Amino acid sequence: MSRVCQITGKKAMVGNNVSHSNIKTKRVFKPNLHTKKFFVPEIGEWVVLKVSAKGMREMSKNGVWNTILKADKKGVL
């Protein structure tokens, strides 16, 4: 499975390492992903998601079920 957050859609992006002498080499910025189990009281089941730290903050703020529905509507999930 690729390194993509199932809630926010964050994925790896490419940038440069820049040395002291200003030599640039390619590098990858990976999202802060965690595989977590969330209990959804609306359906009474546990759901396993690969989410970023920002995705977990959104879930704690808006609720797990509302966030999952919003991600599905956005086409990320």
PDB file of N, CA and C in Angstrom:
ATOM      1  N   MET A   1       0.847  -1.184   0.000  1.00  0.00           N
ATOM      2  CA  MET A   1       0.000   0.000   0.000  1.00  0.00           C
ATOM      3  C   MET A   1       0.888   1.240   0.000  1.00  0.00           C
ATOM      4  N   SER A   2       0.473   2.246  -0.738  1.00  0.00           N
ATOM      5  CA  SER A   2       1.293   3.440  -0.847  1.00  0.00           C
ATOM      6  C   SER A   2       1.204   4.298   0.408  1.00  0.00           C
ATOM      7  N   ARG A   3       2.118   5.230   0.521  1.00  0.00           N
ATOM      8  CA  ARG A   3       2.173   6.099   1.694  1.00  0.00           C
ATOM      9  C   ARG A   3       1.291   7.314   1.472  1.00  0.00           C
ATOM     10  N   VAL A   4      -0.015   7.107   1.616  1.00  0.00           N
ATOM     11  CA  VAL A   4      -1.005   8.171   1.440  1.00  0.00           C
ATOM     12  C   VAL A   4      -1.958   8.126   2.618  1.00  0.00           C
ATOM     13  N   CYS A   5      -2.245   9.296   3.200  1.00  0.00           N
ATOM     14  CA  CYS A   5      -3.208   9.382   4.287  1.00  0.00           C
ATOM     15  C   CYS A   5      -4.604   9.147   3.728  1.00  0.00           C
ATOM     16  N   GLN A   6      -5.374   8.288   4.383  1.00  0.00           N
ATOM     17  CA  GLN A   6      -6.711   7.965   3.901  1.00  0.00           C
ATOM     18  C   GLN A   6      -7.735   9.024   4.277  1.00  0.00           C
ATOM     19  N   ILE A   7      -7.368   9.995   5.081  1.00  0.00           N
ATOM     20  CA  ILE A   7      -8.289  11.048   5.476  1.00  0.00           C
ATOM     21  C   ILE A   7      -7.981  12.355   4.746  1.00  0.00           C
ATOM     22  N   THR A   8      -6.727  12.782   4.780  1.00  0.00           N
ATOM     23  CA  THR A   8      -6.369  14.074   4.192  1.00  0.00           C
ATOM     24  C   THR A   8      -5.847  13.957   2.773  1.00  0.00           C
ATOM     25  N   GLY A   9      -5.389  12.766   2.372  1.00  0.00           N
ATOM     26  CA  GLY A   9      -4.832  12.599   1.035  1.00  0.00           C
ATOM     27  C   GLY A   9      -3.375  13.024   0.928  1.00  0.00           C
ATOM     28  N   LYS A  10      -2.734  13.320   2.059  1.00  0.00           N
ATOM     29  CA  LYS A  10      -1.320  13.696   2.026  1.00  0.00           C
ATOM     30  C   LYS A  10      -0.497  12.539   1.503  1.00  0.00           C
ATOM     31  N   LYS A  11       0.513  12.859   0.669  1.00  0.00           N
ATOM     32  CA  LYS A  11       1.405  11.834   0.149  1.00  0.00           C
ATOM     33  C   LYS A  11       2.817  12.401   0.067  1.00  0.00           C
ATOM     34  N   ALA A  12       3.770  11.553  -0.299  1.00  0.00           N
ATOM     35  CA  ALA A  12       5.161  11.971  -0.345  1.00  0.00           C
ATOM     36  C   ALA A  12       5.358  13.039  -1.415  1.00  0.00           C
ATOM     37  N   MET A  13       6.230  14.004  -1.106  1.00  0.00           N
ATOM     38  CA  MET A  13       6.572  15.022  -2.086  1.00  0.00           C
ATOM     39  C   MET A  13       8.088  15.104  -2.210  1.00  0.00           C
ATOM     40  N   VAL A  14       8.572  15.629  -3.333  1.00  0.00           N
ATOM     41  CA  VAL A  14       9.992  15.640  -3.639  1.00  0.00           C
ATOM     42  C   VAL A  14      10.536  17.047  -3.464  1.00  0.00           C
ATOM     43  N   GLY A  15      11.755  17.110  -2.922  1.00  0.00           N
ATOM     44  CA  GLY A  15      12.436  18.386  -2.760  1.00  0.00           C
ATOM     45  C   GLY A  15      13.934  18.186  -2.871  1.00  0.00           C
ATOM     46  N   ASN A  16      14.687  19.125  -2.352  1.00  0.00           N
ATOM     47  CA  ASN A  16      16.135  19.074  -2.438  1.00  0.00           C
ATOM     48  C   ASN A  16      16.779  19.093  -1.067  1.00  0.00           C
ATOM     49  N   ASN A  17      17.859  18.308  -0.901  1.00  0.00           N
ATOM     50  CA  ASN A  17      18.796  18.513   0.189  1.00  0.00           C
ATOM     51  C   ASN A  17      19.760  19.580  -0.294  1.00  0.00           C
ATOM     52  N   VAL A  18      19.988  20.593   0.505  1.00  0.00           N
ATOM     53  CA  VAL A  18      20.905  21.655   0.105  1.00  0.00           C
ATOM     54  C   VAL A  18      22.064  21.671   1.086  1.00  0.00           C
ATOM     55  N   SER A  19      23.269  21.443   0.573  1.00  0.00           N
ATOM     56  CA  SER A  19      24.460  21.399   1.418  1.00  0.00           C
ATOM     57  C   SER A  19      24.942  22.815   1.728  1.00  0.00           C
ATOM     58  N   HIS A  20      25.952  22.900   2.565  1.00  0.00           N
ATOM     59  CA  HIS A  20      26.539  24.190   2.919  1.00  0.00           C
ATOM     60  C   HIS A  20      27.113  24.886   1.687  1.00  0.00           C
ATOM     61  N   SER A  21      27.632  24.091   0.729  1.00  0.00           N
ATOM     62  CA  SER A  21      28.183  24.670  -0.499  1.00  0.00           C
ATOM     63  C   SER A  21      27.119  24.852  -1.582  1.00  0.00           C
ATOM     64  N   ASN A  22      25.850  24.720  -1.184  1.00  0.00           N
ATOM     65  CA  ASN A  22      24.689  24.955  -2.057  1.00  0.00           C
ATOM     66  C   ASN A  22      24.555  23.915  -3.169  1.00  0.00           C
ATOM     67  N   ILE A  23      25.086  22.698  -2.959  1.00  0.00           N
ATOM     68  CA  ILE A  23      24.880  21.604  -3.901  1.00  0.00           C
ATOM     69  C   ILE A  23      23.541  20.961  -3.562  1.00  0.00           C
ATOM     70  N   LYS A  24      22.714  20.742  -4.577  1.00  0.00           N
ATOM     71  CA  LYS A  24      21.364  20.224  -4.358  1.00  0.00           C
ATOM     72  C   LYS A  24      21.267  18.773  -4.824  1.00  0.00           C
ATOM     73  N   THR A  25      20.724  17.916  -3.973  1.00  0.00           N
ATOM     74  CA  THR A  25      20.443  16.536  -4.326  1.00  0.00           C
ATOM     75  C   THR A  25      18.991  16.253  -3.964  1.00  0.00           C
ATOM     76  N   LYS A  26      18.351  15.366  -4.719  1.00  0.00           N
ATOM     77  CA  LYS A  26      16.935  15.079  -4.513  1.00  0.00           C
ATOM     78  C   LYS A  26      16.701  14.315  -3.211  1.00  0.00           C
ATOM     79  N   ARG A  27      15.572  14.570  -2.586  1.00  0.00           N
ATOM     80  CA  ARG A  27      15.146  13.840  -1.391  1.00  0.00           C
ATOM     81  C   ARG A  27      13.632  13.758  -1.390  1.00  0.00           C
ATOM     82  N   VAL A  28      13.096  12.933  -0.499  1.00  0.00           N
ATOM     83  CA  VAL A  28      11.653  12.727  -0.414  1.00  0.00           C
ATOM     84  C   VAL A  28      11.170  13.145   0.968  1.00  0.00           C
ATOM     85  N   PHE A  29      10.124  13.956   1.006  1.00  0.00           N
ATOM     86  CA  PHE A  29       9.460  14.322   2.249  1.00  0.00           C
ATOM     87  C   PHE A  29       8.266  13.390   2.413  1.00  0.00           C
ATOM     88  N   LYS A  30       8.305  12.506   3.422  1.00  0.00           N
ATOM     89  CA  LYS A  30       7.234  11.539   3.632  1.00  0.00           C
ATOM     90  C   LYS A  30       6.261  12.062   4.684  1.00  0.00           C
ATOM     91  N   PRO A  31       4.969  11.788   4.523  1.00  0.00           N
ATOM     92  CA  PRO A  31       4.001  12.231   5.540  1.00  0.00           C
ATOM     93  C   PRO A  31       4.134  11.416   6.821  1.00  0.00           C
ATOM     94  N   ASN A  32       3.671  11.986   7.916  1.00  0.00           N
ATOM     95  CA  ASN A  32       3.742  11.358   9.236  1.00  0.00           C
ATOM     96  C   ASN A  32       2.548  10.416   9.394  1.00  0.00           C
ATOM     97  N   LEU A  33       2.674   9.195   8.837  1.00  0.00           N
ATOM     98  CA  LEU A  33       1.545   8.257   8.804  1.00  0.00           C
ATOM     99  C   LEU A  33       1.612   7.242   9.937  1.00  0.00           C
ATOM    100  N   HIS A  34       0.423   6.871  10.437  1.00  0.00           N
ATOM    101  CA  HIS A  34       0.278   5.850  11.467  1.00  0.00           C
ATOM    102  C   HIS A  34      -0.898   4.960  11.098  1.00  0.00           C
ATOM    103  N   THR A  35      -0.765   3.661  11.326  1.00  0.00           N
ATOM    104  CA  THR A  35      -1.886   2.743  11.150  1.00  0.00           C
ATOM    105  C   THR A  35      -2.590   2.639  12.497  1.00  0.00           C
ATOM    106  N   LYS A  36      -3.848   3.089  12.541  1.00  0.00           N
ATOM    107  CA  LYS A  36      -4.589   3.167  13.799  1.00  0.00           C
ATOM    108  C   LYS A  36      -5.948   2.507  13.648  1.00  0.00           C
ATOM    109  N   LYS A  37      -6.445   1.968  14.772  1.00  0.00           N
ATOM    110  CA  LYS A  37      -7.809   1.451  14.840  1.00  0.00           C
ATOM    111  C   LYS A  37      -8.681   2.493  15.521  1.00  0.00           C
ATOM    112  N   PHE A  38      -9.809   2.817  14.914  1.00  0.00           N
ATOM    113  CA  PHE A  38     -10.760   3.773  15.470  1.00  0.00           C
ATOM    114  C   PHE A  38     -12.097   3.078  15.662  1.00  0.00           C
ATOM    115  N   PHE A  39     -12.736   3.328  16.794  1.00  0.00           N
ATOM    116  CA  PHE A  39     -14.078   2.794  17.024  1.00  0.00           C
ATOM    117  C   PHE A  39     -15.091   3.807  16.527  1.00  0.00           C
ATOM    118  N   VAL A  40     -16.020   3.343  15.682  1.00  0.00           N
ATOM    119  CA  VAL A  40     -17.064   4.208  15.136  1.00  0.00           C
ATOM    120  C   VAL A  40     -18.373   3.836  15.819  1.00  0.00           C
ATOM    121  N   PRO A  41     -18.841   4.670  16.787  1.00  0.00           N
ATOM    122  CA  PRO A  41     -20.061   4.311  17.511  1.00  0.00           C
ATOM    123  C   PRO A  41     -21.309   4.302  16.636  1.00  0.00           C
ATOM    124  N   GLU A  42     -21.325   5.065  15.553  1.00  0.00           N
ATOM    125  CA  GLU A  42     -22.504   5.118  14.680  1.00  0.00           C
ATOM    126  C   GLU A  42     -22.792   3.770  14.022  1.00  0.00           C
ATOM    127  N   ILE A  43     -21.736   3.012  13.701  1.00  0.00           N
ATOM    128  CA  ILE A  43     -21.943   1.691  13.093  1.00  0.00           C
ATOM    129  C   ILE A  43     -21.563   0.567  14.045  1.00  0.00           C
ATOM    130  N   GLY A  44     -20.980   0.913  15.197  1.00  0.00           N
ATOM    131  CA  GLY A  44     -20.636  -0.076  16.211  1.00  0.00           C
ATOM    132  C   GLY A  44     -19.494  -0.989  15.831  1.00  0.00           C
ATOM    133  N   GLU A  45     -18.554  -0.520  15.014  1.00  0.00           N
ATOM    134  CA  GLU A  45     -17.445  -1.340  14.557  1.00  0.00           C
ATOM    135  C   GLU A  45     -16.122  -0.594  14.690  1.00  0.00           C
ATOM    136  N   TRP A  46     -15.034  -1.372  14.676  1.00  0.00           N
ATOM    137  CA  TRP A  46     -13.691  -0.807  14.628  1.00  0.00           C
ATOM    138  C   TRP A  46     -13.272  -0.666  13.172  1.00  0.00           C
ATOM    139  N   VAL A  47     -12.583   0.427  12.858  1.00  0.00           N
ATOM    140  CA  VAL A  47     -12.113   0.689  11.500  1.00  0.00           C
ATOM    141  C   VAL A  47     -10.609   0.922  11.573  1.00  0.00           C
ATOM    142  N   VAL A  48      -9.856   0.256  10.691  1.00  0.00           N
ATOM    143  CA  VAL A  48      -8.404   0.435  10.637  1.00  0.00           C
ATOM    144  C   VAL A  48      -8.087   1.379   9.485  1.00  0.00           C
ATOM    145  N   LEU A  49      -7.396   2.479   9.797  1.00  0.00           N
ATOM    146  CA  LEU A  49      -7.049   3.483   8.798  1.00  0.00           C
ATOM    147  C   LEU A  49      -5.575   3.819   8.888  1.00  0.00           C
ATOM    148  N   LYS A  50      -5.002   4.206   7.764  1.00  0.00           N
ATOM    149  CA  LYS A  50      -3.642   4.729   7.727  1.00  0.00           C
ATOM    150  C   LYS A  50      -3.781   6.251   7.630  1.00  0.00           C
ATOM    151  N   VAL A  51      -3.528   6.931   8.751  1.00  0.00           N
ATOM    152  CA  VAL A  51      -3.791   8.369   8.820  1.00  0.00           C
ATOM    153  C   VAL A  51      -2.542   9.138   9.237  1.00  0.00           C
ATOM    154  N   SER A  52      -2.494  10.396   8.811  1.00  0.00           N
ATOM    155  CA  SER A  52      -1.417  11.291   9.223  1.00  0.00           C
ATOM    156  C   SER A  52      -1.773  11.908  10.565  1.00  0.00           C
ATOM    157  N   ALA A  53      -0.821  12.614  11.160  1.00  0.00           N
ATOM    158  CA  ALA A  53      -1.056  13.276  12.437  1.00  0.00           C
ATOM    159  C   ALA A  53      -2.156  14.329  12.291  1.00  0.00           C
ATOM    160  N   LYS A  54      -2.173  15.041  11.172  1.00  0.00           N
ATOM    161  CA  LYS A  54      -3.220  16.026  10.931  1.00  0.00           C
ATOM    162  C   LYS A  54      -4.583  15.351  10.797  1.00  0.00           C
ATOM    163  N   GLY A  55      -4.619  14.175  10.163  1.00  0.00           N
ATOM    164  CA  GLY A  55      -5.868  13.428  10.034  1.00  0.00           C
ATOM    165  C   GLY A  55      -6.421  13.003  11.378  1.00  0.00           C
ATOM    166  N   MET A  56      -5.526  12.612  12.298  1.00  0.00           N
ATOM    167  CA  MET A  56      -5.968  12.232  13.647  1.00  0.00           C
ATOM    168  C   MET A  56      -6.519  13.442  14.392  1.00  0.00           C
ATOM    169  N   ARG A  57      -5.911  14.603  14.195  1.00  0.00           N
ATOM    170  CA  ARG A  57      -6.416  15.828  14.828  1.00  0.00           C
ATOM    171  C   ARG A  57      -7.796  16.185  14.296  1.00  0.00           C
ATOM    172  N   GLU A  58      -7.996  16.009  12.985  1.00  0.00           N
ATOM    173  CA  GLU A  58      -9.317  16.265  12.398  1.00  0.00           C
ATOM    174  C   GLU A  58     -10.357  15.310  12.973  1.00  0.00           C
ATOM    175  N   MET A  59      -9.981  14.035  13.169  1.00  0.00           N
ATOM    176  CA  MET A  59     -10.913  13.054  13.714  1.00  0.00           C
ATOM    177  C   MET A  59     -11.286  13.374  15.151  1.00  0.00           C
ATOM    178  N   SER A  60     -10.317  13.812  15.944  1.00  0.00           N
ATOM    179  CA  SER A  60     -10.636  14.135  17.335  1.00  0.00           C
ATOM    180  C   SER A  60     -11.477  15.410  17.420  1.00  0.00           C
ATOM    181  N   LYS A  61     -11.323  16.304  16.461  1.00  0.00           N
ATOM    182  CA  LYS A  61     -12.089  17.553  16.477  1.00  0.00           C
ATOM    183  C   LYS A  61     -13.514  17.359  15.948  1.00  0.00           C
ATOM    184  N   ASN A  62     -13.646  16.684  14.800  1.00  0.00           N
ATOM    185  CA  ASN A  62     -14.938  16.572  14.114  1.00  0.00           C
ATOM    186  C   ASN A  62     -15.653  15.256  14.352  1.00  0.00           C
ATOM    187  N   GLY A  63     -14.994  14.275  14.930  1.00  0.00           N
ATOM    188  CA  GLY A  63     -15.579  12.949  15.103  1.00  0.00           C
ATOM    189  C   GLY A  63     -15.127  12.018  13.998  1.00  0.00           C
ATOM    190  N   VAL A  64     -15.007  10.745  14.340  1.00  0.00           N
ATOM    191  CA  VAL A  64     -14.473   9.770  13.398  1.00  0.00           C
ATOM    192  C   VAL A  64     -15.408   9.586  12.211  1.00  0.00           C
ATOM    193  N   TRP A  65     -16.676   9.387  12.471  1.00  0.00           N
ATOM    194  CA  TRP A  65     -17.628   9.088  11.396  1.00  0.00           C
ATOM    195  C   TRP A  65     -17.780  10.266  10.439  1.00  0.00           C
ATOM    196  N   ASN A  66     -17.897  11.492  10.970  1.00  0.00           N
ATOM    197  CA  ASN A  66     -18.034  12.670  10.110  1.00  0.00           C
ATOM    198  C   ASN A  66     -16.796  12.868   9.237  1.00  0.00           C
ATOM    199  N   THR A  67     -15.628  12.618   9.803  1.00  0.00           N
ATOM    200  CA  THR A  67     -14.390  12.778   9.040  1.00  0.00           C
ATOM    201  C   THR A  67     -14.277  11.727   7.944  1.00  0.00           C
ATOM    202  N   ILE A  68     -14.682  10.494   8.244  1.00  0.00           N
ATOM    203  CA  ILE A  68     -14.650   9.435   7.228  1.00  0.00           C
ATOM    204  C   ILE A  68     -15.612   9.766   6.090  1.00  0.00           C
ATOM    205  N   LEU A  69     -16.800  10.250   6.424  1.00  0.00           N
ATOM    206  CA  LEU A  69     -17.765  10.621   5.387  1.00  0.00           C
ATOM    207  C   LEU A  69     -17.242  11.762   4.520  1.00  0.00           C
ATOM    208  N   LYS A  70     -16.595  12.736   5.145  1.00  0.00           N
ATOM    209  CA  LYS A  70     -16.048  13.872   4.393  1.00  0.00           C
ATOM    210  C   LYS A  70     -14.918  13.413   3.473  1.00  0.00           C
ATOM    211  N   ALA A  71     -14.056  12.496   3.941  1.00  0.00           N
ATOM    212  CA  ALA A  71     -12.957  11.975   3.115  1.00  0.00           C
ATOM    213  C   ALA A  71     -13.520  11.160   1.940  1.00  0.00           C
ATOM    214  N   ASP A  72     -14.579  10.408   2.186  1.00  0.00           N
ATOM    215  CA  ASP A  72     -15.199   9.616   1.120  1.00  0.00           C
ATOM    216  C   ASP A  72     -15.834  10.534   0.087  1.00  0.00           C
ATOM    217  N   LYS A  73     -16.463  11.604   0.532  1.00  0.00           N
ATOM    218  CA  LYS A  73     -17.084  12.558  -0.389  1.00  0.00           C
ATOM    219  C   LYS A  73     -16.032  13.278  -1.229  1.00  0.00           C
ATOM    220  N   LYS A  74     -14.862  13.538  -0.610  1.00  0.00           N
ATOM    221  CA  LYS A  74     -13.760  14.204  -1.297  1.00  0.00           C
ATOM    222  C   LYS A  74     -13.058  13.264  -2.278  1.00  0.00           C
ATOM    223  N   GLY A  75     -13.244  11.946  -2.102  1.00  0.00           N
ATOM    224  CA  GLY A  75     -12.655  10.970  -3.002  1.00  0.00           C
ATOM    225  C   GLY A  75     -11.303  10.461  -2.555  1.00  0.00           C
ATOM    226  N   VAL A  76     -10.918  10.729  -1.303  1.00  0.00           N
ATOM    227  CA  VAL A  76      -9.630  10.295  -0.794  1.00  0.00           C
ATOM    228  C   VAL A  76      -9.718   8.880  -0.273  1.00  0.00           C
ATOM    229  N   LEU A  77     -10.782   8.554   0.438  1.00  0.00           N
ATOM    230  CA  LEU A  77     -10.934   7.254   1.091  1.00  0.00           C
ATOM    231  C   LEU A  77     -11.425   6.210   0.126  1.00  0.00           C
TER     232      LEU A  77
END
